[in-house]
Amino acid sequence: MSFFYETFREKSDRIQWLPCIDSYPPHFHKNLEIFVCTTNQINLIINGQKSVMYHREIAVVDSFQIHSYEKGEGNYVFIIPLCYCNDYFNSKAEYQLNGNIIRDTETLDKIWRIIDDLKNPPPNELIFKGLINQFLGLAVQNLGLVKSSSTTSILKI
């Protein structure tokens, strides 16, 4: 598999809300990438694992996970710079997300409200950071965490 390190998005310290194109090749980067499915589906490949996201589902792609997508047109991605992720990385320490796609409708309802607020950031930086932490907290709560080593035990928060 061929992939590349995507550096150009790391030059910004602002959240980037971007429309997906039809497909994007395998790549990785430091920032978190959030896929937002607004069409009937998008095909994601994360660390070689193929998944299909459906309407209203959200996927969290962690730092340095190799990922690509197909059938992306009409969907969105937003990039969360590392400067907003310190609490997230500190709280999960030696753990990683136990999956990438959030499918629980109750959690998705909460996350969609946060995404709407993040698309039009409040003038107060603390509220903005709080929204990001709330989003990431819901993702961790919904997906759970596993030890980054080869263990299969799950830590649910």
Protein backbone atom coordinates (compact mmCIF):
# COMPACT_ATOMS: atom_id res chain seq x y z
CA MET A 1 0.00 0.00 0.00
CA SER A 2 1.26 3.43 -0.91
CA PHE A 3 0.49 6.41 1.33
CA PHE A 4 1.83 9.87 2.09
CA TYR A 5 2.28 12.23 5.02
CA GLU A 6 -0.07 15.16 4.55
CA THR A 7 1.67 18.25 5.95
CA PHE A 8 -0.20 21.12 4.31
CA ARG A 9 -3.22 20.93 6.64
CA GLU A 10 -0.97 21.10 9.70
CA LYS A 11 0.02 24.68 8.96
CA SER A 12 -3.28 26.03 10.26
CA ASP A 13 -4.32 26.32 13.90
CA ARG A 14 -7.98 26.68 12.93
CA ILE A 15 -10.57 24.00 12.43
CA GLN A 16 -10.98 23.38 8.72
CA TRP A 17 -14.44 22.41 7.43
CA LEU A 18 -13.97 20.94 3.95
CA PRO A 19 -16.19 19.25 1.38
CA CYS A 20 -15.02 15.79 0.38
CA ILE A 21 -14.14 15.09 -3.22
CA ASP A 22 -15.10 11.78 -4.85
CA SER A 23 -12.07 9.93 -3.48
CA TYR A 24 -8.83 10.68 -1.66
CA PRO A 25 -5.69 8.52 -1.56
CA PRO A 26 -4.23 6.92 1.58
CA HIS A 27 -2.52 9.48 3.81
CA PHE A 28 -1.85 10.33 7.46
CA HIS A 29 -1.14 13.41 9.56
CA LYS A 30 -0.92 14.65 13.15
CA ASN A 31 -4.28 16.42 13.27
CA LEU A 32 -7.55 14.65 13.99
CA GLU A 33 -9.79 14.22 10.96
CA ILE A 34 -13.54 13.89 11.43
CA PHE A 35 -15.69 12.51 8.62
CA VAL A 36 -19.31 13.66 8.54
CA CYS A 37 -21.66 11.63 6.33
CA THR A 38 -24.36 13.87 4.89
CA THR A 39 -25.22 11.63 1.91
CA ASN A 40 -26.37 8.02 1.82
CA GLN A 41 -22.86 6.64 2.36
CA ILE A 42 -19.10 7.11 2.24
CA ASN A 43 -16.55 4.30 2.05
CA LEU A 44 -13.66 4.70 4.51
CA ILE A 45 -10.44 2.75 4.73
CA ILE A 46 -8.64 3.30 8.05
CA ASN A 47 -5.42 1.37 8.73
CA GLY A 48 -6.42 -1.09 6.00
CA GLN A 49 -9.90 -1.73 7.47
CA LYS A 50 -12.75 -0.97 5.06
CA SER A 51 -15.97 0.45 6.54
CA VAL A 52 -19.10 2.07 5.20
CA MET A 53 -20.54 5.14 6.92
CA TYR A 54 -24.20 5.96 6.44
CA HIS A 55 -26.23 9.17 6.59
CA ARG A 56 -25.59 11.24 9.76
CA GLU A 57 -22.80 8.96 11.02
CA ILE A 58 -19.49 10.44 12.21
CA ALA A 59 -16.01 8.91 12.02
CA VAL A 60 -13.00 9.97 14.07
CA VAL A 61 -9.62 9.35 12.46
CA ASP A 62 -6.89 9.62 15.08
CA SER A 63 -3.43 11.09 14.61
CA PHE A 64 -1.21 9.04 12.32
CA GLN A 65 -3.93 6.56 11.29
CA ILE A 66 -3.54 5.86 7.57
CA HIS A 67 -6.85 6.60 5.90
CA SER A 68 -8.56 7.21 2.58
CA TYR A 69 -12.09 7.36 1.26
CA GLU A 70 -14.27 6.66 -1.77
CA LYS A 71 -17.73 7.92 -2.73
CA GLY A 72 -16.99 11.03 -0.70
CA GLU A 73 -18.66 13.66 -2.82
CA GLY A 74 -21.37 15.52 -0.89
CA ASN A 75 -19.90 14.59 2.49
CA TYR A 76 -17.63 16.66 4.72
CA VAL A 77 -14.46 16.39 6.74
CA PHE A 78 -13.24 18.67 9.43
CA ILE A 79 -9.71 18.83 10.68
CA ILE A 80 -9.06 19.53 14.36
CA PRO A 81 -5.55 20.93 14.91
CA LEU A 82 -3.39 19.43 17.65
CA CYS A 83 -3.47 22.66 19.65
CA TYR A 84 -7.11 21.83 20.54
CA CYS A 85 -6.48 18.16 21.37
CA ASN A 86 -4.21 18.23 24.44
CA ASP A 87 -6.94 17.13 26.87
CA TYR A 88 -8.01 14.38 24.49
CA PHE A 89 -4.51 12.94 24.12
CA ASN A 90 -3.77 13.29 27.84
CA SER A 91 -6.99 11.52 28.83
CA LYS A 92 -6.46 8.52 26.60
CA ALA A 93 -2.69 8.25 27.31
CA GLU A 94 -1.63 4.73 26.31
CA TYR A 95 -5.07 3.86 24.95
CA GLN A 96 -6.58 4.24 21.50
CA LEU A 97 -10.13 4.44 20.22
CA ASN A 98 -11.87 1.07 19.90
CA GLY A 99 -13.19 1.82 16.43
CA ASN A 100 -13.74 4.92 14.37
CA ILE A 101 -17.40 5.23 13.38
CA ILE A 102 -20.04 6.55 15.75
CA ARG A 103 -23.41 4.98 14.94
CA ASP A 104 -25.40 5.49 18.17
CA THR A 105 -28.27 7.89 17.34
CA GLU A 106 -28.43 9.52 20.78
CA THR A 107 -24.71 10.30 20.70
CA LEU A 108 -24.96 11.46 17.09
CA ASP A 109 -27.76 13.90 17.97
CA LYS A 110 -25.49 15.50 20.58
CA ILE A 111 -22.50 15.55 18.25
CA TRP A 112 -24.45 17.11 15.37
CA ARG A 113 -25.44 20.01 17.64
CA ILE A 114 -21.76 20.50 18.55
CA ILE A 115 -20.71 20.35 14.89
CA ASP A 116 -23.23 23.08 14.06
CA ASP A 117 -21.66 25.25 16.78
CA LEU A 118 -18.12 24.47 15.59
CA LYS A 119 -18.95 25.50 12.01
CA ASN A 120 -19.73 29.00 13.35
CA PRO A 121 -17.20 29.31 16.18
CA PRO A 122 -18.17 31.42 19.18
CA PRO A 123 -16.01 34.50 19.84
CA ASN A 124 -14.96 33.09 23.22
CA GLU A 125 -11.94 30.76 22.89
CA LEU A 126 -12.82 28.85 26.09
CA ILE A 127 -16.27 27.98 24.76
CA PHE A 128 -14.72 26.90 21.46
CA LYS A 129 -12.21 24.60 23.21
CA GLY A 130 -15.01 23.30 25.42
CA LEU A 131 -17.06 22.32 22.37
CA ILE A 132 -14.12 20.40 20.94
CA ASN A 133 -13.53 18.64 24.28
CA GLN A 134 -17.23 17.81 24.53
CA PHE A 135 -17.20 16.34 21.01
CA LEU A 136 -14.07 14.26 21.70
CA GLY A 137 -15.42 13.17 25.08
CA LEU A 138 -18.60 11.88 23.46
CA ALA A 139 -16.51 10.05 20.84
CA VAL A 140 -14.40 8.35 23.53
CA GLN A 141 -17.49 7.52 25.60
CA ASN A 142 -19.26 5.99 22.60
CA LEU A 143 -16.38 4.13 20.95
CA GLY A 144 -14.51 3.13 24.11
CA LEU A 145 -10.78 2.71 24.43
CA VAL A 146 -8.40 -0.24 24.12
CA LYS A 147 -4.81 -0.52 25.24
CA SER A 148 -2.52 0.59 22.44
CA SER A 149 -0.57 -2.65 22.80
CA SER A 150 -1.91 -5.97 21.50
CA THR A 151 -4.38 -6.39 24.37
CA THR A 152 -8.07 -6.77 23.58
CA SER A 153 -9.47 -5.45 26.85
CA ILE A 154 -11.77 -2.47 26.49
CA LEU A 155 -11.91 0.51 28.84
CA LYS A 156 -15.34 2.15 28.70
CA ILE A 157 -15.52 5.63 30.18
